[in-house]
Amino acid sequence: MAFPTLATISSLPQPYDTERAAVQRERWLAAADDAISHELSADATGSALLDAVFGNSPFLAQSLVRHPGILARWATQGPEACLNAAQARLDEPLAERELIAQLRHARAEVAIAVALNDIAGLWQWREVTAALSTFAEIACQAGLAHVLRQAQNAGRIGDLDADDPQATSGFIILGLGKLGGRELNYSSDIDLIVLWDDERFSCTSDDGPQSVCVRLTRQLVKLLEERTADGHVLRTDLRLRPDPGATPVALSVDAAELYYESLGQNWERAALIKARTIAGDIDAG
């Protein structure tokens, strides 16, 4: 079996804990239980890579034991294949339980592939942060599409585009800070501002658009943050919205504009410098 990705590696870090590296390698081989993983372990560069991963990063070691096939895909097909596989998990509508599982599996695949490229010196930091940021956007988009469909099925919002429920929804998610600048690192939370456009958001609930949008926001946050046996997807921070101590987690565009024009502080306006629409109705954003 050829491992073309390994051929591109010129140097690797030494393991901090060689005993732990050996133990974790055996756990990974047992979990993988296939010939290709044993071939990878026997390869000189592959062995050095396994030592570098298992001897330095408990998180990666645990992730690889839980998802043993990702390393072989990375070594044989390259990092882009891993990133594409992660996105493909989220391309189609899923039942909520399945979406929760697939979001976390996709997050593990991206984290592993990006970290392997980082450890092996194959990517510069810009590529690392861009890939992590792209996944955060994809996760938000998949989660939002799901909760929008739920709201439509429950009769709280009007008909959505069947192929892309976000497209004309009038529901907007802005990414700020490191996410806005495509600078996420491995442990970053994501700074979001959630808005709705009164002219585009079709609320059919007697509760009104604010109540519906707050509910959508909380459902999305739960999908991303809730810890399961597979961990969580992303930590979210909604506190960069206008006057977070006094406002709901989702605001109308008009209310946000009025705040920034009349009451917004300089630092609040500065926080919007890197803001960009990362999910929802891109045209409205």
C-alpha atoms as a PDB file:
ATOM      1  CA  MET A   1       0.000   0.000   0.000  1.00  0.00           C
ATOM      2  CA  ALA A   2       1.348   3.422  -0.974  1.00  0.00           C
ATOM      3  CA  PHE A   3       1.119   6.351   1.417  1.00  0.00           C
ATOM      4  CA  PRO A   4       1.667   9.415  -0.784  1.00  0.00           C
ATOM      5  CA  THR A   5       1.005  11.916   2.000  1.00  0.00           C
ATOM      6  CA  LEU A   6       3.838  10.444   4.063  1.00  0.00           C
ATOM      7  CA  ALA A   7       6.251  11.017   1.181  1.00  0.00           C
ATOM      8  CA  THR A   8       5.728  14.777   1.522  1.00  0.00           C
ATOM      9  CA  ILE A   9       6.872  14.877   5.162  1.00  0.00           C
ATOM     10  CA  SER A  10      10.423  16.110   5.755  1.00  0.00           C
ATOM     11  CA  SER A  11      10.543  16.244   9.563  1.00  0.00           C
ATOM     12  CA  LEU A  12       8.441  15.360  12.601  1.00  0.00           C
ATOM     13  CA  PRO A  13       8.584  16.294  16.295  1.00  0.00           C
ATOM     14  CA  GLN A  14       9.899  13.774  18.786  1.00  0.00           C
ATOM     15  CA  PRO A  15       7.375  12.171  21.165  1.00  0.00           C
ATOM     16  CA  TYR A  16       7.255  13.711  24.630  1.00  0.00           C
ATOM     17  CA  ASP A  17       6.177  10.404  26.204  1.00  0.00           C
ATOM     18  CA  THR A  18       7.444   7.326  24.360  1.00  0.00           C
ATOM     19  CA  GLU A  19       5.688   4.875  26.672  1.00  0.00           C
ATOM     20  CA  ARG A  20       2.338   6.541  26.144  1.00  0.00           C
ATOM     21  CA  ALA A  21       3.013   6.627  22.405  1.00  0.00           C
ATOM     22  CA  ALA A  22       3.539   2.855  22.364  1.00  0.00           C
ATOM     23  CA  VAL A  23       0.414   2.152  24.414  1.00  0.00           C
ATOM     24  CA  GLN A  24      -1.765   4.435  22.301  1.00  0.00           C
ATOM     25  CA  ARG A  25      -0.407   2.957  19.086  1.00  0.00           C
ATOM     26  CA  GLU A  26      -1.492  -0.502  20.204  1.00  0.00           C
ATOM     27  CA  ARG A  27      -4.922   0.824  21.145  1.00  0.00           C
ATOM     28  CA  TRP A  28      -5.241   2.459  17.733  1.00  0.00           C
ATOM     29  CA  LEU A  29      -4.162  -0.714  15.901  1.00  0.00           C
ATOM     30  CA  ALA A  30      -6.670  -2.762  17.897  1.00  0.00           C
ATOM     31  CA  ALA A  31      -9.440  -0.285  17.133  1.00  0.00           C
ATOM     32  CA  ALA A  32      -8.572  -0.140  13.424  1.00  0.00           C
ATOM     33  CA  ASP A  33      -8.182  -3.907  13.116  1.00  0.00           C
ATOM     34  CA  ASP A  34      -7.153  -3.789   9.461  1.00  0.00           C
ATOM     35  CA  ALA A  35      -4.090  -4.499   7.343  1.00  0.00           C
ATOM     36  CA  ILE A  36      -3.598  -0.942   6.104  1.00  0.00           C
ATOM     37  CA  SER A  37      -3.155   0.422   9.623  1.00  0.00           C
ATOM     38  CA  HIS A  38      -0.515  -2.206  10.379  1.00  0.00           C
ATOM     39  CA  GLU A  39       1.267  -1.305   7.126  1.00  0.00           C
ATOM     40  CA  LEU A  40       1.154   2.347   8.107  1.00  0.00           C
ATOM     41  CA  SER A  41       2.588   1.530  11.527  1.00  0.00           C
ATOM     42  CA  ALA A  42       5.400  -0.493   9.942  1.00  0.00           C
ATOM     43  CA  ASP A  43       6.350   2.295   7.514  1.00  0.00           C
ATOM     44  CA  ALA A  44       9.323   4.299   8.815  1.00  0.00           C
ATOM     45  CA  THR A  45       7.709   7.701   8.326  1.00  0.00           C
ATOM     46  CA  GLY A  46       4.331   6.364   9.407  1.00  0.00           C
ATOM     47  CA  SER A  47       5.844   5.022  12.614  1.00  0.00           C
ATOM     48  CA  ALA A  48       7.512   8.357  13.361  1.00  0.00           C
ATOM     49  CA  LEU A  49       4.219  10.132  12.707  1.00  0.00           C
ATOM     50  CA  LEU A  50       2.349   7.825  15.071  1.00  0.00           C
ATOM     51  CA  ASP A  51       4.943   8.449  17.775  1.00  0.00           C
ATOM     52  CA  ALA A  52       4.671  12.208  17.245  1.00  0.00           C
ATOM     53  CA  VAL A  53       0.884  12.096  17.513  1.00  0.00           C
ATOM     54  CA  PHE A  54       0.403   9.540  20.269  1.00  0.00           C
ATOM     55  CA  GLY A  55       3.354  10.735  22.325  1.00  0.00           C
ATOM     56  CA  ASN A  56       2.398  14.414  22.340  1.00  0.00           C
ATOM     57  CA  SER A  57      -1.363  14.870  22.075  1.00  0.00           C
ATOM     58  CA  PRO A  58      -3.817  12.996  24.316  1.00  0.00           C
ATOM     59  CA  PHE A  59      -6.714  14.634  22.454  1.00  0.00           C
ATOM     60  CA  LEU A  60      -5.549  13.401  19.049  1.00  0.00           C
ATOM     61  CA  ALA A  61      -4.755   9.975  20.466  1.00  0.00           C
ATOM     62  CA  GLN A  62      -8.255   9.648  21.894  1.00  0.00           C
ATOM     63  CA  SER A  63      -9.811  10.935  18.667  1.00  0.00           C
ATOM     64  CA  LEU A  64      -7.867   8.486  16.509  1.00  0.00           C
ATOM     65  CA  VAL A  65      -8.767   5.531  18.712  1.00  0.00           C
ATOM     66  CA  ARG A  66     -12.426   6.542  18.434  1.00  0.00           C
ATOM     67  CA  HIS A  67     -12.139   7.142  14.655  1.00  0.00           C
ATOM     68  CA  PRO A  68      -9.237   4.902  13.584  1.00  0.00           C
ATOM     69  CA  GLY A  69      -9.866   4.973   9.834  1.00  0.00           C
ATOM     70  CA  ILE A  70      -9.232   8.696   9.436  1.00  0.00           C
ATOM     71  CA  LEU A  71      -5.454   8.365   9.639  1.00  0.00           C
ATOM     72  CA  ALA A  72      -5.321   5.813   6.821  1.00  0.00           C
ATOM     73  CA  ARG A  73      -7.514   8.035   4.631  1.00  0.00           C
ATOM     74  CA  TRP A  74      -5.239  11.000   5.346  1.00  0.00           C
ATOM     75  CA  ALA A  75      -2.097   8.993   4.511  1.00  0.00           C
ATOM     76  CA  THR A  76      -3.447   7.408   1.322  1.00  0.00           C
ATOM     77  CA  GLN A  77      -5.794  10.061  -0.093  1.00  0.00           C
ATOM     78  CA  GLY A  78      -4.517  13.300   1.428  1.00  0.00           C
ATOM     79  CA  PRO A  79      -5.987  15.874   3.796  1.00  0.00           C
ATOM     80  CA  GLU A  80      -8.499  17.232   1.296  1.00  0.00           C
ATOM     81  CA  ALA A  81     -10.169  13.818   1.153  1.00  0.00           C
ATOM     82  CA  CYS A  82     -10.701  13.977   4.914  1.00  0.00           C
ATOM     83  CA  LEU A  83     -12.110  17.494   4.773  1.00  0.00           C
ATOM     84  CA  ASN A  84     -14.396  16.546   1.881  1.00  0.00           C
ATOM     85  CA  ALA A  85     -15.589  13.449   3.751  1.00  0.00           C
ATOM     86  CA  ALA A  86     -16.398  15.582   6.779  1.00  0.00           C
ATOM     87  CA  GLN A  87     -18.453  17.994   4.688  1.00  0.00           C
ATOM     88  CA  ALA A  88     -20.224  15.171   2.863  1.00  0.00           C
ATOM     89  CA  ARG A  89     -21.546  13.905   6.199  1.00  0.00           C
ATOM     90  CA  LEU A  90     -23.520  17.133   6.539  1.00  0.00           C
ATOM     91  CA  ASP A  91     -24.668  17.720   2.961  1.00  0.00           C
ATOM     92  CA  GLU A  92     -28.056  16.003   3.220  1.00  0.00           C
ATOM     93  CA  PRO A  93     -30.935  16.560   5.676  1.00  0.00           C
ATOM     94  CA  LEU A  94     -30.671  14.240   8.677  1.00  0.00           C
ATOM     95  CA  ALA A  95     -32.822  13.311  11.640  1.00  0.00           C
ATOM     96  CA  GLU A  96     -31.702  15.217  14.719  1.00  0.00           C
ATOM     97  CA  ARG A  97     -30.050  12.278  16.482  1.00  0.00           C
ATOM     98  CA  GLU A  98     -28.098  11.431  13.330  1.00  0.00           C
ATOM     99  CA  LEU A  99     -27.151  15.074  12.749  1.00  0.00           C
ATOM    100  CA  ILE A 100     -25.801  15.354  16.295  1.00  0.00           C
ATOM    101  CA  ALA A 101     -23.620  12.285  15.723  1.00  0.00           C
ATOM    102  CA  GLN A 102     -22.462  13.324  12.250  1.00  0.00           C
ATOM    103  CA  LEU A 103     -21.556  16.855  13.352  1.00  0.00           C
ATOM    104  CA  ARG A 104     -19.276  15.422  16.015  1.00  0.00           C
ATOM    105  CA  HIS A 105     -17.780  12.828  13.682  1.00  0.00           C
ATOM    106  CA  ALA A 106     -17.129  15.541  11.097  1.00  0.00           C
ATOM    107  CA  ARG A 107     -15.520  17.732  13.727  1.00  0.00           C
ATOM    108  CA  ALA A 108     -13.204  14.861  14.720  1.00  0.00           C
ATOM    109  CA  GLU A 109     -12.238  14.192  11.095  1.00  0.00           C
ATOM    110  CA  VAL A 110     -11.420  17.848  10.469  1.00  0.00           C
ATOM    111  CA  ALA A 111      -9.499  18.240  13.733  1.00  0.00           C
ATOM    112  CA  ILE A 112      -7.445  15.121  13.036  1.00  0.00           C
ATOM    113  CA  ALA A 113      -6.683  15.962   9.395  1.00  0.00           C
ATOM    114  CA  VAL A 114      -5.748  19.562  10.168  1.00  0.00           C
ATOM    115  CA  ALA A 115      -3.615  18.591  13.156  1.00  0.00           C
ATOM    116  CA  LEU A 116      -1.782  15.925  11.149  1.00  0.00           C
ATOM    117  CA  ASN A 117      -0.941  18.490   8.483  1.00  0.00           C
ATOM    118  CA  ASP A 118       0.180  20.887  11.193  1.00  0.00           C
ATOM    119  CA  ILE A 119       2.342  18.342  13.020  1.00  0.00           C
ATOM    120  CA  ALA A 120       3.868  17.105   9.766  1.00  0.00           C
ATOM    121  CA  GLY A 121       4.716  20.654   8.675  1.00  0.00           C
ATOM    122  CA  LEU A 122       2.611  20.376   5.527  1.00  0.00           C
ATOM    123  CA  TRP A 123       0.515  23.482   6.198  1.00  0.00           C
ATOM    124  CA  GLN A 124       1.297  26.998   7.313  1.00  0.00           C
ATOM    125  CA  TRP A 125      -0.792  28.508  10.083  1.00  0.00           C
ATOM    126  CA  ARG A 126      -3.001  30.380   7.605  1.00  0.00           C
ATOM    127  CA  GLU A 127      -4.076  27.091   6.049  1.00  0.00           C
ATOM    128  CA  VAL A 128      -4.693  25.581   9.484  1.00  0.00           C
ATOM    129  CA  THR A 129      -6.893  28.429  10.696  1.00  0.00           C
ATOM    130  CA  ALA A 130      -8.728  28.687   7.369  1.00  0.00           C
ATOM    131  CA  ALA A 131      -9.655  24.988   7.441  1.00  0.00           C
ATOM    132  CA  LEU A 132     -10.864  25.186  11.044  1.00  0.00           C
ATOM    133  CA  SER A 133     -12.881  28.307  10.215  1.00  0.00           C
ATOM    134  CA  THR A 134     -14.423  26.712   7.140  1.00  0.00           C
ATOM    135  CA  PHE A 135     -15.586  23.756   9.197  1.00  0.00           C
ATOM    136  CA  ALA A 136     -17.157  26.070  11.783  1.00  0.00           C
ATOM    137  CA  GLU A 137     -19.131  27.726   8.986  1.00  0.00           C
ATOM    138  CA  ILE A 138     -20.224  24.373   7.561  1.00  0.00           C
ATOM    139  CA  ALA A 139     -21.328  23.183  11.006  1.00  0.00           C
ATOM    140  CA  CYS A 140     -23.348  26.350  11.607  1.00  0.00           C
ATOM    141  CA  GLN A 141     -24.953  26.054   8.178  1.00  0.00           C
ATOM    142  CA  ALA A 142     -25.898  22.401   8.682  1.00  0.00           C
ATOM    143  CA  GLY A 143     -27.306  23.077  12.133  1.00  0.00           C
ATOM    144  CA  LEU A 144     -29.247  26.134  11.001  1.00  0.00           C
ATOM    145  CA  ALA A 145     -30.741  24.347   7.996  1.00  0.00           C
ATOM    146  CA  HIS A 146     -31.968  21.642  10.374  1.00  0.00           C
ATOM    147  CA  VAL A 147     -33.637  23.977  12.882  1.00  0.00           C
ATOM    148  CA  LEU A 148     -35.204  26.028  10.079  1.00  0.00           C
ATOM    149  CA  ARG A 149     -36.777  22.873   8.631  1.00  0.00           C
ATOM    150  CA  GLN A 150     -38.051  21.979  12.097  1.00  0.00           C
ATOM    151  CA  ALA A 151     -39.621  25.426  12.471  1.00  0.00           C
ATOM    152  CA  GLN A 152     -41.278  25.152   9.065  1.00  0.00           C
ATOM    153  CA  ASN A 153     -42.658  21.695   9.872  1.00  0.00           C
ATOM    154  CA  ALA A 154     -44.009  23.025  13.169  1.00  0.00           C
ATOM    155  CA  GLY A 155     -45.782  25.883  11.391  1.00  0.00           C
ATOM    156  CA  ARG A 156     -43.725  28.637  13.006  1.00  0.00           C
ATOM    157  CA  ILE A 157     -42.258  29.966   9.739  1.00  0.00           C
ATOM    158  CA  GLY A 158     -43.385  30.007   6.116  1.00  0.00           C
ATOM    159  CA  ASP A 159     -42.218  27.816   3.255  1.00  0.00           C
ATOM    160  CA  LEU A 160     -38.475  27.578   2.725  1.00  0.00           C
ATOM    161  CA  ASP A 161     -36.422  26.766  -0.353  1.00  0.00           C
ATOM    162  CA  ALA A 162     -36.488  22.959  -0.451  1.00  0.00           C
ATOM    163  CA  ASP A 163     -32.888  22.698  -1.663  1.00  0.00           C
ATOM    164  CA  ASP A 164     -31.424  25.431   0.539  1.00  0.00           C
ATOM    165  CA  PRO A 165     -33.678  26.428   3.448  1.00  0.00           C
ATOM    166  CA  GLN A 166     -31.276  29.166   4.500  1.00  0.00           C
ATOM    167  CA  ALA A 167     -31.198  30.966   1.147  1.00  0.00           C
ATOM    168  CA  THR A 168     -34.206  33.271   1.492  1.00  0.00           C
ATOM    169  CA  SER A 169     -34.977  32.667   5.162  1.00  0.00           C
ATOM    170  CA  GLY A 170     -34.238  36.203   6.357  1.00  0.00           C
ATOM    171  CA  PHE A 171     -32.286  34.640   9.235  1.00  0.00           C
ATOM    172  CA  ILE A 172     -28.691  35.842   9.406  1.00  0.00           C
ATOM    173  CA  ILE A 173     -25.679  34.626  11.372  1.00  0.00           C
ATOM    174  CA  LEU A 174     -22.639  36.881  11.462  1.00  0.00           C
ATOM    175  CA  GLY A 175     -19.237  35.542  12.445  1.00  0.00           C
ATOM    176  CA  LEU A 176     -16.972  37.962  14.300  1.00  0.00           C
ATOM    177  CA  GLY A 177     -13.515  37.889  15.826  1.00  0.00           C
ATOM    178  CA  LYS A 178     -11.358  34.931  14.869  1.00  0.00           C
ATOM    179  CA  LEU A 179     -14.173  33.297  12.938  1.00  0.00           C
ATOM    180  CA  GLY A 180     -14.874  36.480  11.006  1.00  0.00           C
ATOM    181  CA  GLY A 181     -11.184  36.784  10.157  1.00  0.00           C
ATOM    182  CA  ARG A 182     -10.844  33.045   9.363  1.00  0.00           C
ATOM    183  CA  GLU A 183      -8.328  32.755  12.194  1.00  0.00           C
ATOM    184  CA  LEU A 184      -9.832  30.038  14.402  1.00  0.00           C
ATOM    185  CA  ASN A 185      -7.410  27.837  16.303  1.00  0.00           C
ATOM    186  CA  TYR A 186      -8.009  24.388  17.757  1.00  0.00           C
ATOM    187  CA  SER A 187      -9.597  25.623  20.993  1.00  0.00           C
ATOM    188  CA  SER A 188     -11.375  28.771  19.792  1.00  0.00           C
ATOM    189  CA  ASP A 189     -15.006  29.406  20.522  1.00  0.00           C
ATOM    190  CA  ILE A 190     -16.996  31.183  17.819  1.00  0.00           C
ATOM    191  CA  ASP A 191     -18.328  34.727  18.213  1.00  0.00           C
ATOM    192  CA  LEU A 192     -21.740  35.112  16.589  1.00  0.00           C
ATOM    193  CA  ILE A 193     -24.387  37.780  16.169  1.00  0.00           C
ATOM    194  CA  VAL A 194     -27.816  36.481  15.148  1.00  0.00           C
ATOM    195  CA  LEU A 195     -30.216  38.747  13.267  1.00  0.00           C
ATOM    196  CA  TRP A 196     -33.425  38.538  11.303  1.00  0.00           C
ATOM    197  CA  ASP A 197     -34.630  40.730   8.459  1.00  0.00           C
ATOM    198  CA  ASP A 198     -38.260  41.779   8.988  1.00  0.00           C
ATOM    199  CA  GLU A 199     -38.831  42.055   5.247  1.00  0.00           C
ATOM    200  CA  ARG A 200     -37.564  38.535   4.480  1.00  0.00           C
ATOM    201  CA  PHE A 201     -38.233  36.463   7.604  1.00  0.00           C
ATOM    202  CA  SER A 202     -41.631  34.791   7.229  1.00  0.00           C
ATOM    203  CA  CYS A 203     -43.015  34.285  10.729  1.00  0.00           C
ATOM    204  CA  THR A 204     -46.330  32.410  10.868  1.00  0.00           C
ATOM    205  CA  SER A 205     -46.395  31.959  14.641  1.00  0.00           C
ATOM    206  CA  ASP A 206     -48.571  34.018  16.960  1.00  0.00           C
ATOM    207  CA  ASP A 207     -45.506  34.337  19.197  1.00  0.00           C
ATOM    208  CA  GLY A 208     -43.913  36.764  16.732  1.00  0.00           C
ATOM    209  CA  PRO A 209     -40.528  36.804  14.976  1.00  0.00           C
ATOM    210  CA  GLN A 210     -38.432  37.631  18.032  1.00  0.00           C
ATOM    211  CA  SER A 211     -39.666  34.615  19.964  1.00  0.00           C
ATOM    212  CA  VAL A 212     -39.246  32.335  16.953  1.00  0.00           C
ATOM    213  CA  CYS A 213     -35.727  33.588  16.175  1.00  0.00           C
ATOM    214  CA  VAL A 214     -34.620  33.308  19.798  1.00  0.00           C
ATOM    215  CA  ARG A 215     -35.850  29.720  19.782  1.00  0.00           C
ATOM    216  CA  LEU A 216     -34.014  28.964  16.534  1.00  0.00           C
ATOM    217  CA  THR A 217     -30.823  30.424  17.997  1.00  0.00           C
ATOM    218  CA  ARG A 218     -31.029  28.387  21.182  1.00  0.00           C
ATOM    219  CA  GLN A 219     -31.717  25.209  19.233  1.00  0.00           C
ATOM    220  CA  LEU A 220     -28.683  25.840  17.031  1.00  0.00           C
ATOM    221  CA  VAL A 221     -26.451  26.540  20.017  1.00  0.00           C
ATOM    222  CA  LYS A 222     -27.611  23.310  21.650  1.00  0.00           C
ATOM    223  CA  LEU A 223     -26.774  21.298  18.524  1.00  0.00           C
ATOM    224  CA  LEU A 224     -23.250  22.717  18.529  1.00  0.00           C
ATOM    225  CA  GLU A 225     -22.477  22.833  22.251  1.00  0.00           C
ATOM    226  CA  GLU A 226     -24.224  19.846  23.812  1.00  0.00           C
ATOM    227  CA  ARG A 227     -21.736  17.239  25.010  1.00  0.00           C
ATOM    228  CA  THR A 228     -22.432  13.647  24.061  1.00  0.00           C
ATOM    229  CA  ALA A 229     -20.292  10.524  24.167  1.00  0.00           C
ATOM    230  CA  ASP A 230     -18.635  11.938  21.017  1.00  0.00           C
ATOM    231  CA  GLY A 231     -17.921  15.318  22.622  1.00  0.00           C
ATOM    232  CA  HIS A 232     -19.189  18.666  21.359  1.00  0.00           C
ATOM    233  CA  VAL A 233     -18.821  20.512  18.055  1.00  0.00           C
ATOM    234  CA  LEU A 234     -18.131  24.160  18.900  1.00  0.00           C
ATOM    235  CA  ARG A 235     -18.494  26.541  21.825  1.00  0.00           C
ATOM    236  CA  THR A 236     -20.473  29.637  20.917  1.00  0.00           C
ATOM    237  CA  ASP A 237     -20.354  33.170  22.302  1.00  0.00           C
ATOM    238  CA  LEU A 238     -23.269  35.504  21.579  1.00  0.00           C
ATOM    239  CA  ARG A 239     -22.116  38.339  23.829  1.00  0.00           C
ATOM    240  CA  LEU A 240     -20.825  40.607  21.063  1.00  0.00           C
ATOM    241  CA  ARG A 241     -24.383  41.482  20.031  1.00  0.00           C
ATOM    242  CA  PRO A 242     -25.710  44.953  20.876  1.00  0.00           C
ATOM    243  CA  ASP A 243     -26.150  45.441  24.645  1.00  0.00           C
ATOM    244  CA  PRO A 244     -25.983  41.713  25.492  1.00  0.00           C
ATOM    245  CA  GLY A 245     -27.076  42.209  29.090  1.00  0.00           C
ATOM    246  CA  ALA A 246     -30.417  43.627  28.015  1.00  0.00           C
ATOM    247  CA  THR A 247     -31.186  42.163  24.589  1.00  0.00           C
ATOM    248  CA  PRO A 248     -32.361  38.714  23.438  1.00  0.00           C
ATOM    249  CA  VAL A 249     -29.919  36.383  21.688  1.00  0.00           C
ATOM    250  CA  ALA A 250     -31.476  37.245  18.299  1.00  0.00           C
ATOM    251  CA  LEU A 251     -32.265  40.786  17.138  1.00  0.00           C
ATOM    252  CA  SER A 252     -33.939  42.362  14.148  1.00  0.00           C
ATOM    253  CA  VAL A 253     -31.639  44.048  11.644  1.00  0.00           C
ATOM    254  CA  ASP A 254     -33.457  47.331  12.246  1.00  0.00           C
ATOM    255  CA  ALA A 255     -32.925  47.145  16.017  1.00  0.00           C
ATOM    256  CA  ALA A 256     -29.230  46.363  15.589  1.00  0.00           C
ATOM    257  CA  GLU A 257     -28.714  49.228  13.132  1.00  0.00           C
ATOM    258  CA  LEU A 258     -30.506  51.667  15.439  1.00  0.00           C
ATOM    259  CA  TYR A 259     -28.329  50.600  18.366  1.00  0.00           C
ATOM    260  CA  TYR A 260     -25.046  51.030  16.502  1.00  0.00           C
ATOM    261  CA  GLU A 261     -26.132  54.403  15.110  1.00  0.00           C
ATOM    262  CA  SER A 262     -27.298  55.859  18.425  1.00  0.00           C
ATOM    263  CA  LEU A 263     -25.830  53.998  21.405  1.00  0.00           C
ATOM    264  CA  GLY A 264     -23.016  51.790  20.131  1.00  0.00           C
ATOM    265  CA  GLN A 265     -19.576  52.282  21.657  1.00  0.00           C
ATOM    266  CA  ASN A 266     -16.451  52.570  19.519  1.00  0.00           C
ATOM    267  CA  TRP A 267     -15.218  49.143  20.610  1.00  0.00           C
ATOM    268  CA  GLU A 268     -18.558  47.611  19.590  1.00  0.00           C
ATOM    269  CA  ARG A 269     -18.293  49.111  16.127  1.00  0.00           C
ATOM    270  CA  ALA A 270     -14.667  47.990  15.936  1.00  0.00           C
ATOM    271  CA  ALA A 271     -15.774  44.428  16.710  1.00  0.00           C
ATOM    272  CA  LEU A 272     -17.693  44.482  13.429  1.00  0.00           C
ATOM    273  CA  ILE A 273     -14.588  45.111  11.316  1.00  0.00           C
ATOM    274  CA  LYS A 274     -14.094  41.380  10.723  1.00  0.00           C
ATOM    275  CA  ALA A 275     -17.805  40.535  10.721  1.00  0.00           C
ATOM    276  CA  ARG A 276     -19.158  38.523   7.799  1.00  0.00           C
ATOM    277  CA  THR A 277     -22.206  36.391   7.150  1.00  0.00           C
ATOM    278  CA  ILE A 278     -21.221  32.774   7.778  1.00  0.00           C
ATOM    279  CA  ALA A 279     -24.650  31.087   7.730  1.00  0.00           C
ATOM    280  CA  GLY A 280     -28.255  31.824   6.930  1.00  0.00           C
ATOM    281  CA  ASP A 281     -29.562  34.245   4.328  1.00  0.00           C
ATOM    282  CA  ILE A 282     -26.349  35.437   2.678  1.00  0.00           C
ATOM    283  CA  ASP A 283     -28.088  38.030   0.497  1.00  0.00           C
ATOM    284  CA  ALA A 284     -29.840  39.596   3.483  1.00  0.00           C
ATOM    285  CA  GLY A 285     -26.586  39.590   5.448  1.00  0.00           C
END
